[in-house]
Amino acid sequence: MVEVKDILKYLPHRYPFLLVDKILQIDGEEKIIAIKNVSFNENFFQGHFPNRPVMPGVLICEAMAQVGAIFAHNARGGMEDNKVFVLTGLDNVKFKRPVEPGDQLRMELTCLKRRGSFWKMHGSALVDGKLVAQAEISAMEIDMP
């Protein structure tokens, strides 16, 4: 299990944009499972939507992409200080159910293709075992600007 203090070593993201709380499982280049605890205190709930707080779908995709970056860094044996993974594409994105305050978002990603510094992964986001979103996520490792 990877806790948030170690997640900070893999990602350049920080509050309020770090969207991964814990890594439950990493299976080499095969699979990763991570958690995002969705709290009413999240800043996006102030405006999305005041009377019916729902986690924006784009942030669910971003959370999956962050998990994908951790997955890729881990699979390649760590992270160089001057490298970062950037999102290059989202395909076949589907949203099935809303994600609300108090939910625990479980993200599961598997590798579909890896070629050099390019990765394509399938991501599923679940709450209480029910699919809330899915996407094919593409990312590439680049030199940090």
N, C-alpha and C. Protein backbone atom coordinates (compact mmCIF):
# COMPACT_ATOMS: atom_id res chain seq x y z
N MET A 1 0.85 -1.18 0.00
CA MET A 1 0.00 0.00 0.00
C MET A 1 0.89 1.24 0.00
N VAL A 2 0.54 2.22 -0.83
CA VAL A 2 1.29 3.47 -0.94
C VAL A 2 0.42 4.58 -0.36
N GLU A 3 0.95 5.26 0.65
CA GLU A 3 0.22 6.35 1.31
C GLU A 3 0.50 7.67 0.60
N VAL A 4 -0.22 8.71 0.99
CA VAL A 4 -0.15 10.00 0.31
C VAL A 4 1.25 10.61 0.36
N LYS A 5 1.99 10.42 1.44
CA LYS A 5 3.35 11.00 1.51
C LYS A 5 4.24 10.43 0.42
N ASP A 6 4.01 9.18 0.04
CA ASP A 6 4.78 8.57 -1.05
C ASP A 6 4.21 8.94 -2.41
N ILE A 7 2.90 9.14 -2.49
CA ILE A 7 2.27 9.58 -3.74
C ILE A 7 2.86 10.92 -4.17
N LEU A 8 3.16 11.78 -3.21
CA LEU A 8 3.74 13.09 -3.51
C LEU A 8 5.10 12.97 -4.20
N LYS A 9 5.77 11.85 -4.04
CA LYS A 9 7.05 11.63 -4.71
C LYS A 9 6.86 11.31 -6.19
N TYR A 10 5.69 10.77 -6.55
CA TYR A 10 5.40 10.37 -7.93
C TYR A 10 4.77 11.48 -8.76
N LEU A 11 4.03 12.37 -8.11
CA LEU A 11 3.24 13.37 -8.84
C LEU A 11 3.67 14.79 -8.48
N PRO A 12 3.65 15.70 -9.46
CA PRO A 12 3.94 17.10 -9.14
C PRO A 12 2.71 17.82 -8.57
N HIS A 13 1.54 17.20 -8.60
CA HIS A 13 0.30 17.82 -8.15
C HIS A 13 0.32 18.02 -6.63
N ARG A 14 -0.32 19.09 -6.19
CA ARG A 14 -0.47 19.39 -4.78
C ARG A 14 -1.89 19.90 -4.54
N TYR A 15 -2.26 20.02 -3.26
CA TYR A 15 -3.58 20.52 -2.91
C TYR A 15 -3.81 21.86 -3.62
N PRO A 16 -4.97 22.10 -4.17
CA PRO A 16 -6.17 21.27 -4.14
C PRO A 16 -6.32 20.33 -5.34
N PHE A 17 -5.24 20.12 -6.08
CA PHE A 17 -5.38 19.35 -7.32
C PHE A 17 -4.83 17.93 -7.24
N LEU A 18 -4.32 17.50 -6.09
CA LEU A 18 -3.92 16.12 -5.92
C LEU A 18 -5.18 15.30 -5.66
N LEU A 19 -5.48 14.36 -6.55
CA LEU A 19 -6.75 13.65 -6.49
C LEU A 19 -6.59 12.15 -6.22
N VAL A 20 -5.49 11.78 -5.58
CA VAL A 20 -5.23 10.38 -5.21
C VAL A 20 -4.86 10.36 -3.74
N ASP A 21 -5.56 9.54 -2.95
CA ASP A 21 -5.28 9.45 -1.52
C ASP A 21 -4.45 8.23 -1.15
N LYS A 22 -4.63 7.13 -1.88
CA LYS A 22 -3.94 5.90 -1.50
C LYS A 22 -3.87 4.95 -2.69
N ILE A 23 -2.75 4.26 -2.80
CA ILE A 23 -2.62 3.18 -3.78
C ILE A 23 -2.79 1.87 -3.03
N LEU A 24 -3.76 1.07 -3.41
CA LEU A 24 -4.02 -0.20 -2.74
C LEU A 24 -3.19 -1.34 -3.31
N GLN A 25 -2.95 -1.28 -4.63
CA GLN A 25 -2.29 -2.41 -5.28
C GLN A 25 -1.62 -1.95 -6.56
N ILE A 26 -0.42 -2.45 -6.80
CA ILE A 26 0.26 -2.24 -8.08
C ILE A 26 0.82 -3.59 -8.50
N ASP A 27 0.42 -4.03 -9.69
CA ASP A 27 0.90 -5.29 -10.25
C ASP A 27 1.76 -4.99 -11.46
N GLY A 28 3.01 -4.60 -11.23
CA GLY A 28 3.96 -4.34 -12.32
C GLY A 28 3.39 -3.45 -13.39
N GLU A 29 3.35 -3.97 -14.63
CA GLU A 29 2.79 -3.24 -15.77
C GLU A 29 1.38 -3.70 -16.10
N GLU A 30 0.76 -4.45 -15.19
CA GLU A 30 -0.56 -5.03 -15.46
C GLU A 30 -1.71 -4.19 -14.94
N LYS A 31 -1.63 -3.78 -13.65
CA LYS A 31 -2.81 -3.18 -13.03
C LYS A 31 -2.41 -2.33 -11.83
N ILE A 32 -3.21 -1.30 -11.57
CA ILE A 32 -3.08 -0.49 -10.37
C ILE A 32 -4.49 -0.20 -9.84
N ILE A 33 -4.61 -0.17 -8.52
CA ILE A 33 -5.88 0.17 -7.87
C ILE A 33 -5.59 1.27 -6.86
N ALA A 34 -6.38 2.35 -6.91
CA ALA A 34 -6.16 3.50 -6.04
C ALA A 34 -7.50 4.03 -5.51
N ILE A 35 -7.40 4.85 -4.48
CA ILE A 35 -8.57 5.41 -3.81
C ILE A 35 -8.49 6.93 -3.77
N LYS A 36 -9.64 7.56 -3.97
CA LYS A 36 -9.83 9.00 -3.71
C LYS A 36 -11.05 9.10 -2.80
N ASN A 37 -10.83 9.59 -1.58
CA ASN A 37 -11.94 9.82 -0.66
C ASN A 37 -12.55 11.17 -1.00
N VAL A 38 -13.82 11.17 -1.36
CA VAL A 38 -14.49 12.39 -1.81
C VAL A 38 -15.18 13.04 -0.61
N SER A 39 -14.69 14.21 -0.22
CA SER A 39 -15.18 14.91 0.95
C SER A 39 -16.03 16.12 0.54
N PHE A 40 -16.99 16.46 1.38
CA PHE A 40 -17.80 17.65 1.12
C PHE A 40 -16.93 18.91 1.12
N ASN A 41 -15.76 18.83 1.73
CA ASN A 41 -14.86 19.99 1.80
C ASN A 41 -14.10 20.25 0.51
N GLU A 42 -14.25 19.42 -0.50
CA GLU A 42 -13.56 19.64 -1.78
C GLU A 42 -14.00 21.00 -2.33
N ASN A 43 -13.03 21.77 -2.82
CA ASN A 43 -13.36 23.14 -3.26
C ASN A 43 -14.31 23.17 -4.45
N PHE A 44 -14.33 22.16 -5.30
CA PHE A 44 -15.20 22.19 -6.48
C PHE A 44 -16.67 22.05 -6.12
N PHE A 45 -17.00 21.52 -4.93
CA PHE A 45 -18.41 21.38 -4.55
C PHE A 45 -19.07 22.73 -4.27
N GLN A 46 -18.28 23.78 -4.05
CA GLN A 46 -18.86 25.11 -3.82
C GLN A 46 -19.68 25.57 -5.02
N GLY A 47 -19.27 25.18 -6.21
CA GLY A 47 -19.98 25.65 -7.39
C GLY A 47 -20.51 24.55 -8.28
N HIS A 48 -20.30 23.29 -7.91
CA HIS A 48 -20.71 22.17 -8.78
C HIS A 48 -21.42 21.11 -7.98
N PHE A 49 -22.57 21.21 -7.66
CA PHE A 49 -23.53 22.30 -7.74
C PHE A 49 -23.97 22.61 -6.33
N PRO A 50 -24.23 23.87 -5.99
CA PRO A 50 -24.52 24.21 -4.60
C PRO A 50 -25.65 23.41 -3.96
N ASN A 51 -26.71 23.13 -4.68
CA ASN A 51 -27.84 22.40 -4.11
C ASN A 51 -27.79 20.89 -4.38
N ARG A 52 -26.86 20.47 -5.19
CA ARG A 52 -26.71 19.04 -5.51
C ARG A 52 -25.24 18.78 -5.83
N PRO A 53 -24.37 18.68 -4.80
CA PRO A 53 -22.94 18.53 -5.05
C PRO A 53 -22.60 17.24 -5.79
N VAL A 54 -21.92 17.39 -6.92
CA VAL A 54 -21.51 16.27 -7.77
C VAL A 54 -20.06 16.52 -8.19
N MET A 55 -19.21 15.49 -8.08
CA MET A 55 -17.83 15.63 -8.53
C MET A 55 -17.82 15.76 -10.05
N PRO A 56 -17.18 16.80 -10.59
CA PRO A 56 -17.15 16.97 -12.05
C PRO A 56 -16.49 15.78 -12.74
N GLY A 57 -17.08 15.36 -13.83
CA GLY A 57 -16.56 14.23 -14.59
C GLY A 57 -15.13 14.44 -15.04
N VAL A 58 -14.78 15.65 -15.39
CA VAL A 58 -13.42 15.94 -15.83
C VAL A 58 -12.43 15.68 -14.70
N LEU A 59 -12.84 15.89 -13.45
CA LEU A 59 -11.95 15.62 -12.32
C LEU A 59 -11.86 14.12 -12.02
N ILE A 60 -12.91 13.38 -12.31
CA ILE A 60 -12.82 11.92 -12.20
C ILE A 60 -11.79 11.42 -13.21
N CYS A 61 -11.84 11.95 -14.42
CA CYS A 61 -10.85 11.57 -15.44
C CYS A 61 -9.45 12.00 -15.02
N GLU A 62 -9.30 13.19 -14.46
CA GLU A 62 -8.00 13.66 -13.98
C GLU A 62 -7.47 12.75 -12.87
N ALA A 63 -8.35 12.34 -11.96
CA ALA A 63 -7.93 11.43 -10.88
C ALA A 63 -7.40 10.12 -11.47
N MET A 64 -8.12 9.58 -12.47
CA MET A 64 -7.65 8.35 -13.12
C MET A 64 -6.31 8.59 -13.83
N ALA A 65 -6.15 9.75 -14.45
CA ALA A 65 -4.89 10.06 -15.14
C ALA A 65 -3.74 10.16 -14.13
N GLN A 66 -3.98 10.73 -12.96
CA GLN A 66 -2.95 10.80 -11.94
C GLN A 66 -2.55 9.40 -11.47
N VAL A 67 -3.53 8.53 -11.31
CA VAL A 67 -3.23 7.14 -10.95
C VAL A 67 -2.42 6.48 -12.06
N GLY A 68 -2.77 6.78 -13.31
CA GLY A 68 -2.02 6.25 -14.44
C GLY A 68 -0.57 6.70 -14.44
N ALA A 69 -0.32 7.95 -14.06
CA ALA A 69 1.06 8.45 -13.99
C ALA A 69 1.85 7.71 -12.92
N ILE A 70 1.24 7.46 -11.79
CA ILE A 70 1.90 6.68 -10.73
C ILE A 70 2.21 5.28 -11.23
N PHE A 71 1.25 4.67 -11.91
CA PHE A 71 1.39 3.34 -12.49
C PHE A 71 2.58 3.28 -13.44
N ALA A 72 2.65 4.24 -14.35
CA ALA A 72 3.72 4.27 -15.35
C ALA A 72 5.08 4.52 -14.69
N HIS A 73 5.14 5.47 -13.76
CA HIS A 73 6.40 5.73 -13.06
C HIS A 73 6.89 4.48 -12.33
N ASN A 74 5.98 3.82 -11.65
CA ASN A 74 6.34 2.62 -10.90
C ASN A 74 6.81 1.50 -11.84
N ALA A 75 6.11 1.32 -12.95
CA ALA A 75 6.45 0.25 -13.89
C ALA A 75 7.82 0.45 -14.52
N ARG A 76 8.22 1.70 -14.71
CA ARG A 76 9.52 1.95 -15.32
C ARG A 76 10.63 2.02 -14.28
N GLY A 77 10.29 1.72 -13.01
CA GLY A 77 11.31 1.61 -11.98
C GLY A 77 11.60 2.86 -11.20
N GLY A 78 10.69 3.82 -11.23
CA GLY A 78 10.89 5.05 -10.48
C GLY A 78 10.75 6.26 -11.36
N MET A 79 11.07 7.40 -10.82
CA MET A 79 10.88 8.64 -11.54
C MET A 79 12.17 9.45 -11.50
N GLU A 80 12.55 9.96 -12.65
CA GLU A 80 13.67 10.88 -12.70
C GLU A 80 13.17 12.27 -12.32
N ASP A 81 14.03 13.06 -11.69
CA ASP A 81 13.63 14.39 -11.21
C ASP A 81 13.13 15.30 -12.32
N ASN A 82 13.64 15.14 -13.51
CA ASN A 82 13.30 16.08 -14.59
C ASN A 82 12.22 15.54 -15.52
N LYS A 83 11.51 14.49 -15.14
CA LYS A 83 10.48 13.89 -15.99
C LYS A 83 9.11 13.99 -15.34
N VAL A 84 8.10 14.08 -16.19
CA VAL A 84 6.72 14.13 -15.71
C VAL A 84 5.84 13.47 -16.78
N PHE A 85 4.75 12.83 -16.36
CA PHE A 85 3.80 12.27 -17.31
C PHE A 85 2.70 13.30 -17.55
N VAL A 86 2.36 13.49 -18.82
CA VAL A 86 1.29 14.42 -19.19
C VAL A 86 0.20 13.67 -19.94
N LEU A 87 -1.00 14.07 -19.70
CA LEU A 87 -2.16 13.50 -20.37
C LEU A 87 -2.14 13.90 -21.84
N THR A 88 -2.25 12.92 -22.73
CA THR A 88 -2.27 13.23 -24.16
C THR A 88 -3.61 12.91 -24.82
N GLY A 89 -4.46 12.16 -24.13
CA GLY A 89 -5.75 11.88 -24.74
C GLY A 89 -6.69 11.12 -23.83
N LEU A 90 -7.98 11.30 -24.09
CA LEU A 90 -9.05 10.55 -23.44
C LEU A 90 -9.96 10.05 -24.55
N ASP A 91 -10.20 8.76 -24.57
CA ASP A 91 -11.08 8.17 -25.58
C ASP A 91 -12.15 7.32 -24.89
N ASN A 92 -13.27 7.19 -25.57
CA ASN A 92 -14.36 6.32 -25.10
C ASN A 92 -14.73 6.61 -23.64
N VAL A 93 -14.84 7.89 -23.30
CA VAL A 93 -15.19 8.29 -21.94
C VAL A 93 -16.69 8.12 -21.74
N LYS A 94 -17.04 7.50 -20.61
CA LYS A 94 -18.46 7.32 -20.28
C LYS A 94 -18.65 7.58 -18.80
N PHE A 95 -19.71 8.30 -18.48
CA PHE A 95 -20.08 8.56 -17.10
C PHE A 95 -21.40 7.86 -16.84
N LYS A 96 -21.45 7.05 -15.78
CA LYS A 96 -22.62 6.21 -15.52
C LYS A 96 -23.46 6.68 -14.34
N ARG A 97 -22.79 7.21 -13.30
CA ARG A 97 -23.48 7.62 -12.08
C ARG A 97 -22.76 8.84 -11.50
N PRO A 98 -23.47 9.64 -10.69
CA PRO A 98 -22.80 10.77 -10.04
C PRO A 98 -21.91 10.31 -8.89
N VAL A 99 -20.86 11.07 -8.62
CA VAL A 99 -19.98 10.87 -7.47
C VAL A 99 -20.25 12.03 -6.52
N GLU A 100 -20.62 11.69 -5.29
CA GLU A 100 -21.09 12.69 -4.33
C GLU A 100 -20.20 12.72 -3.09
N PRO A 101 -20.35 13.79 -2.29
CA PRO A 101 -19.59 13.84 -1.04
C PRO A 101 -19.84 12.59 -0.19
N GLY A 102 -18.76 12.07 0.40
CA GLY A 102 -18.86 10.87 1.22
C GLY A 102 -18.54 9.60 0.46
N ASP A 103 -18.51 9.68 -0.87
CA ASP A 103 -18.17 8.49 -1.67
C ASP A 103 -16.68 8.21 -1.61
N GLN A 104 -16.33 6.95 -1.78
CA GLN A 104 -14.94 6.56 -1.94
C GLN A 104 -14.80 6.09 -3.39
N LEU A 105 -14.02 6.84 -4.14
CA LEU A 105 -13.81 6.56 -5.56
C LEU A 105 -12.66 5.56 -5.67
N ARG A 106 -12.95 4.40 -6.21
CA ARG A 106 -11.94 3.35 -6.42
C ARG A 106 -11.60 3.35 -7.90
N MET A 107 -10.33 3.57 -8.21
CA MET A 107 -9.90 3.65 -9.60
C MET A 107 -9.02 2.45 -9.92
N GLU A 108 -9.37 1.77 -11.01
CA GLU A 108 -8.62 0.60 -11.46
C GLU A 108 -8.16 0.85 -12.88
N LEU A 109 -6.86 0.78 -13.10
CA LEU A 109 -6.30 0.99 -14.43
C LEU A 109 -5.49 -0.22 -14.86
N THR A 110 -5.61 -0.56 -16.14
CA THR A 110 -4.81 -1.62 -16.74
C THR A 110 -4.12 -1.06 -17.97
N CYS A 111 -2.97 -1.62 -18.26
CA CYS A 111 -2.19 -1.17 -19.42
C CYS A 111 -2.74 -1.81 -20.68
N LEU A 112 -3.06 -1.00 -21.67
CA LEU A 112 -3.49 -1.50 -22.98
C LEU A 112 -2.32 -1.57 -23.95
N LYS A 113 -1.43 -0.56 -23.85
CA LYS A 113 -0.30 -0.48 -24.78
C LYS A 113 0.78 0.38 -24.17
N ARG A 114 2.02 -0.03 -24.39
CA ARG A 114 3.16 0.79 -23.97
C ARG A 114 4.19 0.76 -25.07
N ARG A 115 4.57 1.94 -25.52
CA ARG A 115 5.59 2.06 -26.56
C ARG A 115 6.52 3.21 -26.18
N GLY A 116 7.72 2.86 -25.73
CA GLY A 116 8.67 3.88 -25.28
C GLY A 116 8.10 4.66 -24.12
N SER A 117 7.98 5.97 -24.27
CA SER A 117 7.47 6.82 -23.20
C SER A 117 5.95 7.04 -23.31
N PHE A 118 5.31 6.38 -24.28
CA PHE A 118 3.87 6.52 -24.50
C PHE A 118 3.13 5.36 -23.85
N TRP A 119 2.04 5.68 -23.16
CA TRP A 119 1.20 4.68 -22.50
C TRP A 119 -0.26 4.89 -22.90
N LYS A 120 -0.97 3.79 -23.04
CA LYS A 120 -2.43 3.83 -23.19
C LYS A 120 -2.99 2.85 -22.17
N MET A 121 -3.93 3.33 -21.37
CA MET A 121 -4.50 2.54 -20.28
C MET A 121 -6.02 2.59 -20.31
N HIS A 122 -6.61 1.56 -19.76
CA HIS A 122 -8.06 1.57 -19.56
C HIS A 122 -8.31 1.84 -18.09
N GLY A 123 -9.13 2.84 -17.82
CA GLY A 123 -9.46 3.19 -16.44
C GLY A 123 -10.93 3.02 -16.14
N SER A 124 -11.21 2.48 -14.97
CA SER A 124 -12.58 2.37 -14.46
C SER A 124 -12.61 3.03 -13.09
N ALA A 125 -13.65 3.79 -12.84
CA ALA A 125 -13.87 4.40 -11.53
C ALA A 125 -15.15 3.82 -10.96
N LEU A 126 -15.07 3.35 -9.72
CA LEU A 126 -16.21 2.70 -9.08
C LEU A 126 -16.49 3.30 -7.72
N VAL A 127 -17.76 3.28 -7.33
CA VAL A 127 -18.19 3.64 -5.98
C VAL A 127 -19.06 2.50 -5.50
N ASP A 128 -18.71 1.94 -4.36
CA ASP A 128 -19.46 0.80 -3.79
C ASP A 128 -19.60 -0.34 -4.79
N GLY A 129 -18.56 -0.57 -5.58
CA GLY A 129 -18.56 -1.66 -6.54
C GLY A 129 -19.34 -1.39 -7.82
N LYS A 130 -19.91 -0.20 -7.94
CA LYS A 130 -20.68 0.16 -9.13
C LYS A 130 -19.87 1.11 -10.00
N LEU A 131 -19.87 0.85 -11.30
CA LEU A 131 -19.12 1.68 -12.24
C LEU A 131 -19.73 3.07 -12.31
N VAL A 132 -18.88 4.10 -12.12
CA VAL A 132 -19.35 5.48 -12.24
C VAL A 132 -18.77 6.16 -13.48
N ALA A 133 -17.58 5.70 -13.93
CA ALA A 133 -16.96 6.29 -15.11
C ALA A 133 -15.92 5.33 -15.66
N GLN A 134 -15.66 5.49 -16.95
CA GLN A 134 -14.59 4.70 -17.58
C GLN A 134 -14.01 5.50 -18.74
N ALA A 135 -12.76 5.21 -19.06
CA ALA A 135 -12.09 5.94 -20.15
C ALA A 135 -10.83 5.19 -20.56
N GLU A 136 -10.43 5.42 -21.80
CA GLU A 136 -9.11 5.03 -22.26
C GLU A 136 -8.24 6.28 -22.14
N ILE A 137 -7.14 6.16 -21.42
CA ILE A 137 -6.29 7.30 -21.08
C ILE A 137 -4.94 7.13 -21.75
N SER A 138 -4.50 8.16 -22.47
CA SER A 138 -3.18 8.16 -23.08
C SER A 138 -2.31 9.19 -22.37
N ALA A 139 -1.04 8.83 -22.15
CA ALA A 139 -0.12 9.73 -21.48
C ALA A 139 1.29 9.50 -22.03
N MET A 140 2.11 10.53 -21.87
CA MET A 140 3.48 10.45 -22.34
C MET A 140 4.41 11.08 -21.33
N GLU A 141 5.57 10.46 -21.16
CA GLU A 141 6.59 11.02 -20.28
C GLU A 141 7.40 12.06 -21.05
N ILE A 142 7.53 13.23 -20.44
CA ILE A 142 8.28 14.31 -21.09
C ILE A 142 9.24 14.93 -20.07
N ASP A 143 10.17 15.73 -20.57
CA ASP A 143 11.02 16.52 -19.68
C ASP A 143 10.17 17.61 -19.04
N MET A 144 10.35 17.79 -17.74
CA MET A 144 9.60 18.83 -17.05
C MET A 144 10.08 20.20 -17.50
N PRO A 145 9.13 21.08 -17.85
CA PRO A 145 9.53 22.42 -18.31
C PRO A 145 10.21 23.23 -17.22
